[in-house]
Amino acid sequence: METIRANNPQLKSWVEVPAHSDFPIQNLPFGIFKTRYLSSVAGVAIGNHVLDLVYLHENGFLDGLGLPAGIFNQPYLNDFMALGRAKTRAVRERLSELLQHDNDELKDNVAARELALIPMNEVQMQMPVRIPNYTDFYSSEEHATNVGTLFRDPKNALLPNWKHLPVGYHGRASSIVVSGTPIHRPKGQIKPPDAEMPLFCPSKKMDFELEMAFITCTETKLGTSVSAKAAEEHIFGLVLFNDWSARDIQNWEYVPLGPFLGKNFGSTISPWIVTLDALEPFRVKGPEQFPHVLPYLATEGDRNFDITLEVAMQPEKGSETVVSRSNFKYMYWNMCQQLAHHTINGCNIQVGDMYASGTISGPSPGSFGSLLELTWNGQRPLHLSEGVERKFIEDGDTVIMRGHCEKEGVRIGFGECKGKILAAV
């Protein structure tokens, strides 16, 4: 790929960007927002502000890019993403130019600046994309090993297929919600170990799963496949992803067809899509894969990303406590392999499809990406602030996920992926 000028670590913006902000000029993630005066439209985050892309487009600041009329005046980013990575990259480059400290086009146009730049505390973030399809993978070796150890044979924690293909299943797209949306505790069948018959009741083992998700920006034809080599041209960017899980419902239902009601009641994403272009400087080599993968899964170069992740829990009456610190770089199967495997049978992809990584766990107990692992299925309670203990999530608890990359003084962040668990209805 050619050098991406917008990633230059030396760039400074005339917009004030607080220290440790997730949204410096080198990030420029895309999202959908609304205000008291604006319906849902596209914007870009810069510091503590949102740049209104509709205003910029309609007032000539994006002229020369060949953008269709009304491309940003829509409730989702799907049509913009569908323009392709070359076009969306050009838009990000132009926005970077406008925001650089020595560019006066917008900086010195007081009226335009005040209309285009909106304080973040005055906007309400919306779902950034319309999601036609959602797939959840199971691509962390540490997580899969922990779960296999808990529920099967510790000596054979990974099933025979795990190191040969990215295991995944199709989930429910309609119940994916944006950060800040509360989730009701699900009800379903559970079967306690000492019970002869299953019970119908609210889940007693509510859990989070620390994940990331990539979003596709192309349409492919049924019967065709995406190669691992070309996969990134089909990926627009990434969000944080909390795949809420009802472990007791899941444990009773998952044989033989996998997760169903234990998962499909809700998943939460962060509202800003960080582009693959913005993440380019943070590429790292993934774990060594052995045995060697089949040729259609082979990738070259650095295909993992060094993204520091954390999960905090906050009881209804209490302060938050960080309970997990992990990293996206631990993933055994990378995004290119996931998309290549997903489509190798001819499955077609659509713009806005969401592909979650599966729980991201690291090698140490403090880096595990779920309460199932952190408390070892409730056997080792977590100690939160103010003397609170948790085995699993209780009603009123809020889970906050955060993620960022950092290199050469530049921090690229994802904002928050936040959700509160309400009582069952």
Protein backbone atom coordinates (compact mmCIF):
# COMPACT_ATOMS: atom_id res chain seq x y z
CA MET A 1 0.00 0.00 0.00
CA GLU A 2 1.15 3.53 -0.70
CA THR A 3 2.14 5.79 2.19
CA ILE A 4 -0.93 7.07 4.01
CA ARG A 5 -0.22 10.75 4.65
CA ALA A 6 -2.99 11.05 7.23
CA ASN A 7 -1.06 8.63 9.48
CA ASN A 8 2.01 10.87 9.78
CA PRO A 9 2.82 10.99 13.53
CA GLN A 10 4.09 14.58 13.13
CA LEU A 11 0.66 15.94 12.17
CA LYS A 12 -0.99 18.44 14.52
CA SER A 13 -4.51 19.81 14.33
CA TRP A 14 -5.87 23.30 14.93
CA VAL A 15 -8.67 21.54 16.82
CA GLU A 16 -7.63 21.10 20.43
CA VAL A 17 -7.05 17.41 21.15
CA PRO A 18 -6.65 16.61 24.88
CA ALA A 19 -3.75 14.45 26.01
CA HIS A 20 -4.60 10.74 25.89
CA SER A 21 -7.57 11.39 23.60
CA ASP A 22 -8.69 8.43 21.49
CA PHE A 23 -9.29 10.75 18.55
CA PRO A 24 -6.19 12.65 17.38
CA ILE A 25 -5.85 13.84 13.79
CA GLN A 26 -4.18 10.50 12.91
CA ASN A 27 -7.38 8.58 13.71
CA LEU A 28 -10.45 10.27 12.16
CA PRO A 29 -12.93 7.41 12.71
CA PHE A 30 -16.36 7.51 11.06
CA GLY A 31 -19.70 7.31 12.81
CA ILE A 32 -23.36 8.36 12.72
CA PHE A 33 -24.65 11.00 15.13
CA LYS A 34 -27.64 13.19 15.78
CA THR A 35 -28.25 16.39 17.76
CA ARG A 36 -31.25 18.48 18.84
CA TYR A 37 -31.13 20.09 15.41
CA LEU A 38 -29.80 17.33 13.14
CA SER A 39 -31.22 13.95 12.26
CA SER A 40 -28.83 11.00 11.94
CA VAL A 41 -25.91 11.99 9.71
CA ALA A 42 -22.27 10.97 9.19
CA GLY A 43 -19.46 12.49 11.18
CA VAL A 44 -15.81 12.08 12.11
CA ALA A 45 -14.34 12.29 15.61
CA ILE A 46 -11.52 14.75 16.32
CA GLY A 47 -10.57 15.38 19.94
CA ASN A 48 -13.74 16.22 21.89
CA HIS A 49 -15.62 17.24 18.76
CA VAL A 50 -17.51 15.71 15.86
CA LEU A 51 -16.99 17.01 12.34
CA ASP A 52 -20.27 17.18 10.41
CA LEU A 53 -19.58 15.57 7.02
CA VAL A 54 -22.89 16.67 5.54
CA TYR A 55 -22.00 20.31 6.12
CA LEU A 56 -18.51 19.89 4.69
CA HIS A 57 -19.80 18.10 1.60
CA GLU A 58 -22.66 20.51 0.90
CA ASN A 59 -20.43 23.56 1.31
CA GLY A 60 -17.64 22.56 -1.05
CA PHE A 61 -14.95 21.43 1.37
CA LEU A 62 -14.91 17.95 -0.18
CA ASP A 63 -15.13 19.03 -3.81
CA GLY A 64 -13.00 17.12 -6.28
CA LEU A 65 -13.44 13.75 -4.62
CA GLY A 66 -16.30 12.66 -6.86
CA LEU A 67 -18.66 11.92 -4.00
CA PRO A 68 -22.35 11.29 -4.77
CA ALA A 69 -24.86 13.86 -3.59
CA GLY A 70 -26.27 13.08 -0.16
CA ILE A 71 -23.71 10.37 0.57
CA PHE A 72 -23.31 11.56 4.19
CA ASN A 73 -26.90 12.62 4.78
CA GLN A 74 -27.99 9.08 5.65
CA PRO A 75 -28.70 7.13 8.86
CA TYR A 76 -25.98 4.56 8.12
CA LEU A 77 -22.49 4.54 6.59
CA ASN A 78 -23.18 1.61 4.26
CA ASP A 79 -23.36 3.61 1.03
CA PHE A 80 -20.21 5.54 1.92
CA MET A 81 -18.29 2.35 2.73
CA ALA A 82 -19.51 0.81 -0.53
CA LEU A 83 -17.56 3.46 -2.46
CA GLY A 84 -14.51 1.29 -1.79
CA ARG A 85 -11.36 1.69 0.23
CA ALA A 86 -9.59 3.89 -2.31
CA LYS A 87 -12.41 6.45 -2.21
CA THR A 88 -12.92 6.37 1.57
CA ARG A 89 -9.15 6.68 2.01
CA ALA A 90 -9.20 9.82 -0.16
CA VAL A 91 -11.96 11.29 2.02
CA ARG A 92 -9.94 10.62 5.18
CA GLU A 93 -6.87 12.21 3.56
CA ARG A 94 -8.88 15.32 2.65
CA LEU A 95 -10.30 15.60 6.17
CA SER A 96 -6.78 15.32 7.53
CA GLU A 97 -5.71 18.22 5.30
CA LEU A 98 -8.61 20.39 6.49
CA LEU A 99 -7.80 19.73 10.13
CA GLN A 100 -4.03 20.27 9.99
CA HIS A 101 -2.78 23.20 12.04
CA ASP A 102 -1.38 25.09 9.03
CA ASN A 103 -4.49 24.76 6.83
CA ASP A 104 -6.70 27.88 7.02
CA GLU A 105 -9.62 26.72 4.82
CA LEU A 106 -11.85 25.74 7.71
CA LYS A 107 -9.77 27.04 10.60
CA ASP A 108 -10.17 30.72 9.60
CA ASN A 109 -13.75 30.45 8.34
CA VAL A 110 -15.44 31.17 11.65
CA ALA A 111 -19.03 30.64 10.49
CA ALA A 112 -18.22 27.35 8.76
CA ARG A 113 -16.08 26.14 11.63
CA GLU A 114 -18.82 26.73 14.19
CA LEU A 115 -21.38 24.87 12.11
CA ALA A 116 -19.13 21.98 11.07
CA LEU A 117 -17.48 21.30 14.42
CA ILE A 118 -19.87 20.12 17.13
CA PRO A 119 -18.88 19.43 20.76
CA MET A 120 -19.08 15.71 21.44
CA ASN A 121 -21.18 16.26 24.56
CA GLU A 122 -23.92 17.72 22.34
CA VAL A 123 -24.29 14.67 20.09
CA GLN A 124 -25.96 11.31 20.50
CA MET A 125 -24.14 8.49 18.74
CA GLN A 126 -26.18 6.05 16.65
CA MET A 127 -25.61 2.64 15.09
CA PRO A 128 -22.95 3.38 12.46
CA VAL A 129 -24.01 0.70 9.97
CA ARG A 130 -27.01 -1.32 8.90
CA ILE A 131 -25.86 -4.90 9.57
CA PRO A 132 -27.21 -7.43 7.05
CA ASN A 133 -25.32 -10.39 8.54
CA TYR A 134 -23.29 -11.16 11.65
CA THR A 135 -20.74 -13.92 12.22
CA ASP A 136 -18.95 -14.70 15.47
CA PHE A 137 -15.60 -16.48 15.38
CA TYR A 138 -13.74 -18.41 18.09
CA SER A 139 -10.19 -17.42 17.25
CA SER A 140 -8.27 -16.95 20.51
CA GLU A 141 -6.25 -20.04 21.35
CA GLU A 142 -6.03 -19.03 25.01
CA HIS A 143 -9.80 -18.59 25.28
CA ALA A 144 -10.60 -21.83 23.47
CA THR A 145 -8.11 -23.68 25.68
CA ASN A 146 -9.59 -22.22 28.86
CA VAL A 147 -13.13 -23.14 27.86
CA GLY A 148 -12.05 -26.63 26.77
CA THR A 149 -10.26 -27.09 30.07
CA LEU A 150 -13.31 -25.98 32.05
CA PHE A 151 -15.89 -28.11 30.28
CA ARG A 152 -14.00 -30.97 28.64
CA ASP A 153 -10.66 -32.70 29.01
CA PRO A 154 -7.79 -30.36 30.01
CA LYS A 155 -5.39 -32.62 28.10
CA ASN A 156 -7.44 -32.22 24.92
CA ALA A 157 -8.88 -28.75 25.43
CA LEU A 158 -8.88 -27.86 21.73
CA LEU A 159 -11.12 -29.87 19.43
CA PRO A 160 -9.34 -31.56 16.48
CA ASN A 161 -10.46 -28.95 13.91
CA TRP A 162 -9.45 -25.85 15.88
CA LYS A 163 -5.91 -25.38 14.53
CA HIS A 164 -6.97 -26.14 10.96
CA LEU A 165 -9.74 -23.57 10.45
CA PRO A 166 -11.26 -20.45 12.05
CA VAL A 167 -14.27 -21.87 13.90
CA GLY A 168 -17.35 -19.65 13.74
CA TYR A 169 -21.13 -19.50 13.72
CA HIS A 170 -23.79 -17.17 12.33
CA GLY A 171 -25.34 -14.91 14.98
CA ARG A 172 -28.26 -12.53 15.17
CA ALA A 173 -27.70 -9.14 13.48
CA SER A 174 -30.94 -7.51 14.65
CA SER A 175 -29.96 -7.51 18.34
CA ILE A 176 -26.60 -5.74 17.90
CA VAL A 177 -26.90 -2.33 19.57
CA VAL A 178 -24.73 0.77 19.95
CA SER A 179 -22.81 1.63 23.11
CA GLY A 180 -25.01 3.00 25.89
CA THR A 181 -28.03 0.83 25.07
CA PRO A 182 -29.13 -1.21 28.12
CA ILE A 183 -29.66 -4.96 27.81
CA HIS A 184 -32.31 -6.93 29.71
CA ARG A 185 -31.21 -10.14 31.38
CA PRO A 186 -32.40 -12.97 29.12
CA LYS A 187 -34.73 -15.78 30.17
CA GLY A 188 -34.48 -19.34 28.94
CA GLN A 189 -33.98 -22.95 29.86
CA ILE A 190 -31.19 -23.89 32.22
CA LYS A 191 -30.41 -27.27 33.73
CA PRO A 192 -28.57 -27.28 37.06
CA PRO A 193 -26.22 -30.28 37.44
CA ASP A 194 -28.36 -31.82 40.20
CA ALA A 195 -31.72 -31.32 38.46
CA GLU A 196 -33.51 -34.04 36.49
CA MET A 197 -35.38 -31.56 34.29
CA PRO A 198 -34.50 -28.11 32.94
CA LEU A 199 -35.91 -24.97 34.52
CA PHE A 200 -37.28 -21.85 32.81
CA CYS A 201 -35.94 -18.73 34.49
CA PRO A 202 -33.75 -15.65 34.02
CA SER A 203 -30.09 -16.47 33.40
CA LYS A 204 -28.02 -16.67 36.58
CA LYS A 205 -24.69 -16.59 34.75
CA MET A 206 -24.64 -13.38 32.70
CA ASP A 207 -21.25 -12.72 31.16
CA PHE A 208 -19.42 -10.36 28.82
CA GLU A 209 -17.07 -11.35 26.02
CA LEU A 210 -14.27 -8.99 25.06
CA GLU A 211 -14.14 -8.98 21.27
CA MET A 212 -13.41 -6.80 18.26
CA ALA A 213 -15.34 -6.86 15.01
CA PHE A 214 -14.48 -5.93 11.44
CA ILE A 215 -17.00 -4.56 8.96
CA THR A 216 -17.00 -5.34 5.25
CA CYS A 217 -17.42 -2.69 2.54
CA THR A 218 -18.03 -4.76 -0.60
CA GLU A 219 -20.65 -7.02 -2.18
CA THR A 220 -19.56 -10.34 -3.65
CA LYS A 221 -21.50 -12.74 -5.81
CA LEU A 222 -22.87 -16.01 -4.50
CA GLY A 223 -20.51 -18.77 -5.51
CA THR A 224 -17.35 -16.65 -5.37
CA SER A 225 -14.80 -16.39 -2.58
CA VAL A 226 -12.45 -13.79 -1.12
CA SER A 227 -8.80 -14.78 -0.99
CA ALA A 228 -6.79 -14.28 2.19
CA LYS A 229 -4.39 -12.12 0.17
CA ALA A 230 -7.15 -9.75 -1.01
CA ALA A 231 -9.27 -9.82 2.15
CA GLU A 232 -8.25 -6.42 3.50
CA GLU A 233 -9.61 -4.61 0.44
CA HIS A 234 -13.03 -5.83 1.58
CA ILE A 235 -12.65 -4.54 5.17
CA PHE A 236 -13.52 -0.93 6.03
CA GLY A 237 -12.62 -0.86 9.71
CA LEU A 238 -13.09 -2.18 13.23
CA VAL A 239 -15.18 -1.59 16.35
CA LEU A 240 -15.10 -2.90 19.90
CA PHE A 241 -17.62 -5.69 20.41
CA ASN A 242 -19.19 -7.08 23.59
CA ASP A 243 -20.87 -10.40 22.84
CA TRP A 244 -23.04 -10.68 25.95
CA SER A 245 -23.48 -14.32 26.95
CA ALA A 246 -25.88 -16.22 29.21
CA ARG A 247 -23.58 -19.09 30.16
CA ASP A 248 -26.18 -21.32 31.81
CA ILE A 249 -28.59 -21.05 28.88
CA GLN A 250 -25.71 -21.62 26.47
CA ASN A 251 -24.41 -24.65 28.35
CA TRP A 252 -27.77 -26.45 28.12
CA GLU A 253 -28.64 -25.55 24.53
CA TYR A 254 -25.39 -25.61 22.56
CA VAL A 255 -25.16 -29.36 21.77
CA PRO A 256 -25.34 -30.19 18.91
CA LEU A 257 -25.80 -26.99 16.91
CA GLY A 258 -24.00 -24.33 18.96
CA PRO A 259 -25.04 -21.02 20.57
CA PHE A 260 -28.60 -19.74 20.21
CA LEU A 261 -30.62 -18.02 22.97
CA GLY A 262 -27.55 -17.75 25.17
CA LYS A 263 -26.12 -15.23 22.68
CA ASN A 264 -28.78 -13.70 20.45
CA PHE A 265 -30.45 -11.46 23.06
CA GLY A 266 -27.86 -8.70 22.53
CA SER A 267 -24.38 -7.62 21.51
CA THR A 268 -22.93 -4.12 21.96
CA ILE A 269 -20.54 -2.22 19.67
CA SER A 270 -18.59 1.01 20.04
CA PRO A 271 -20.03 3.79 17.82
CA TRP A 272 -16.88 4.91 15.98
CA ILE A 273 -15.46 2.76 13.17
CA VAL A 274 -11.68 3.03 13.18
CA THR A 275 -10.53 2.49 9.61
CA LEU A 276 -8.05 -0.17 8.64
CA ASP A 277 -5.99 2.69 7.18
CA ALA A 278 -5.67 4.36 10.60
CA LEU A 279 -4.50 1.06 12.11
CA GLU A 280 -1.81 0.52 9.47
CA PRO A 281 1.12 1.64 11.70
CA PHE A 282 0.17 -0.84 14.40
CA ARG A 283 0.54 -4.08 12.48
CA VAL A 284 2.32 -6.94 14.24
CA LYS A 285 3.09 -10.56 13.53
CA GLY A 286 0.52 -13.03 14.83
CA PRO A 287 1.18 -16.23 16.78
CA GLU A 288 3.07 -19.00 14.99
CA GLN A 289 0.54 -21.31 13.37
CA PHE A 290 1.26 -25.01 13.60
CA PRO A 291 0.43 -27.27 11.91
CA HIS A 292 0.76 -25.27 8.70
CA VAL A 293 -2.56 -24.01 7.40
CA LEU A 294 -4.03 -25.09 4.09
CA PRO A 295 -3.00 -22.88 1.13
CA TYR A 296 -6.28 -20.92 0.96
CA LEU A 297 -5.66 -19.72 4.55
CA ALA A 298 -2.02 -18.75 4.05
CA THR A 299 -1.17 -15.08 4.63
CA GLU A 300 2.04 -13.10 4.31
CA GLY A 301 3.31 -10.15 6.31
CA ASP A 302 1.94 -8.76 9.56
CA ARG A 303 -1.78 -9.36 9.71
CA ASN A 304 -2.45 -8.85 13.43
CA PHE A 305 -2.79 -5.49 15.17
CA ASP A 306 -1.36 -4.33 18.48
CA ILE A 307 -4.52 -3.01 20.15
CA THR A 308 -4.48 -2.76 23.94
CA LEU A 309 -7.86 -3.70 25.41
CA GLU A 310 -9.46 -3.44 28.83
CA VAL A 311 -12.75 -4.30 30.49
CA ALA A 312 -14.15 -2.49 33.51
CA MET A 313 -17.18 -3.36 35.63
CA GLN A 314 -19.23 -0.84 37.58
CA PRO A 315 -21.98 -1.87 40.03
CA GLU A 316 -25.06 0.36 40.12
CA LYS A 317 -23.88 1.91 43.38
CA GLY A 318 -20.12 1.97 43.07
CA SER A 319 -17.13 2.98 41.00
CA GLU A 320 -15.66 1.07 38.10
CA THR A 321 -12.91 -1.52 38.42
CA VAL A 322 -10.76 -2.77 35.55
CA VAL A 323 -11.11 -6.56 35.57
CA SER A 324 -9.25 -7.52 32.39
CA ARG A 325 -6.37 -6.17 30.30
CA SER A 326 -5.76 -7.95 27.01
CA ASN A 327 -4.61 -7.32 23.43
CA PHE A 328 -6.00 -8.02 19.97
CA LYS A 329 -2.55 -9.20 18.85
CA TYR A 330 -3.07 -12.49 20.68
CA MET A 331 -5.57 -13.74 18.07
CA TYR A 332 -4.47 -17.05 16.53
CA TRP A 333 -6.60 -16.60 13.40
CA ASN A 334 -6.38 -13.16 11.77
CA MET A 335 -9.13 -11.24 9.95
CA CYS A 336 -7.87 -12.19 6.49
CA GLN A 337 -8.04 -15.87 7.35
CA GLN A 338 -11.47 -15.46 8.89
CA LEU A 339 -12.91 -13.80 5.79
CA ALA A 340 -11.19 -16.23 3.43
CA HIS A 341 -12.56 -19.22 5.31
CA HIS A 342 -16.02 -17.65 5.61
CA THR A 343 -16.28 -17.32 1.83
CA ILE A 344 -14.30 -20.33 0.58
CA ASN A 345 -17.53 -22.27 0.05
CA GLY A 346 -19.02 -19.49 -2.12
CA CYS A 347 -20.83 -17.62 0.65
CA ASN A 348 -21.42 -14.05 -0.52
CA ILE A 349 -20.67 -11.04 1.67
CA GLN A 350 -22.53 -7.73 1.89
CA VAL A 351 -21.70 -4.14 2.78
CA GLY A 352 -22.04 -3.68 6.54
CA ASP A 353 -21.59 -7.34 7.47
CA MET A 354 -20.07 -7.67 10.94
CA TYR A 355 -17.51 -10.33 11.85
CA ALA A 356 -16.64 -10.61 15.54
CA SER A 357 -13.30 -12.04 16.59
CA GLY A 358 -14.51 -14.25 19.39
CA THR A 359 -13.42 -13.69 22.98
CA ILE A 360 -9.91 -12.22 23.18
CA SER A 361 -7.92 -13.79 26.00
CA GLY A 362 -4.22 -13.47 26.68
CA PRO A 363 -1.79 -15.86 28.34
CA SER A 364 -2.23 -14.66 31.94
CA PRO A 365 -5.36 -14.76 34.17
CA GLY A 366 -5.58 -10.95 34.21
CA SER A 367 -5.85 -10.93 30.41
CA PHE A 368 -8.80 -13.32 30.11
CA GLY A 369 -11.69 -11.84 28.13
CA SER A 370 -14.74 -13.20 29.98
CA LEU A 371 -15.99 -13.71 33.52
CA LEU A 372 -16.29 -17.41 32.74
CA GLU A 373 -12.48 -17.47 32.62
CA LEU A 374 -11.70 -14.68 35.08
CA THR A 375 -13.74 -16.37 37.86
CA TRP A 376 -13.14 -19.89 36.52
CA ASN A 377 -16.89 -20.47 36.15
CA GLY A 378 -17.66 -18.77 39.45
CA GLN A 379 -15.14 -20.65 41.55
CA ARG A 380 -12.88 -17.60 42.08
CA PRO A 381 -14.96 -14.44 42.63
CA LEU A 382 -13.61 -11.10 41.43
CA HIS A 383 -13.11 -8.34 43.97
CA LEU A 384 -14.40 -4.99 42.74
CA SER A 385 -14.24 -1.58 44.44
CA GLU A 386 -15.96 -0.96 47.79
CA GLY A 387 -15.65 -4.62 48.76
CA VAL A 388 -18.05 -5.85 46.05
CA GLU A 389 -17.61 -9.41 44.74
CA ARG A 390 -18.76 -10.78 41.41
CA LYS A 391 -18.90 -14.29 39.97
CA PHE A 392 -21.07 -13.17 37.06
CA ILE A 393 -22.89 -9.95 36.09
CA GLU A 394 -25.71 -8.82 38.37
CA ASP A 395 -28.65 -6.55 37.53
CA GLY A 396 -27.57 -2.92 37.50
CA ASP A 397 -23.95 -3.70 36.60
CA THR A 398 -22.38 -1.77 33.74
CA VAL A 399 -19.59 -3.23 31.60
CA ILE A 400 -17.25 -0.81 29.81
CA MET A 401 -14.76 -1.93 27.15
CA ARG A 402 -12.00 0.31 25.83
CA GLY A 403 -9.22 -0.14 23.31
CA HIS A 404 -6.34 1.83 21.81
CA CYS A 405 -3.06 1.57 19.91
CA GLU A 406 -0.03 3.68 20.78
CA LYS A 407 3.21 4.30 18.91
CA GLU A 408 5.56 7.24 18.28
CA GLY A 409 3.46 9.47 20.52
CA VAL A 410 0.25 8.75 18.61
CA ARG A 411 -2.71 7.10 20.34
CA ILE A 412 -5.49 5.68 18.15
CA GLY A 413 -8.53 4.77 20.24
CA PHE A 414 -11.99 3.30 19.79
CA GLY A 415 -13.95 5.19 22.45
CA GLU A 416 -16.16 3.14 24.75
CA CYS A 417 -18.31 0.06 24.29
CA LYS A 418 -20.64 0.36 27.24
CA GLY A 419 -23.77 -1.44 28.38
CA LYS A 420 -25.84 -1.91 31.52
CA ILE A 421 -27.67 -5.10 32.44
CA LEU A 422 -31.27 -4.57 33.51
CA ALA A 423 -33.54 -7.06 35.24
CA ALA A 424 -35.37 -9.63 33.10
CA VAL A 425 -38.81 -8.61 31.86
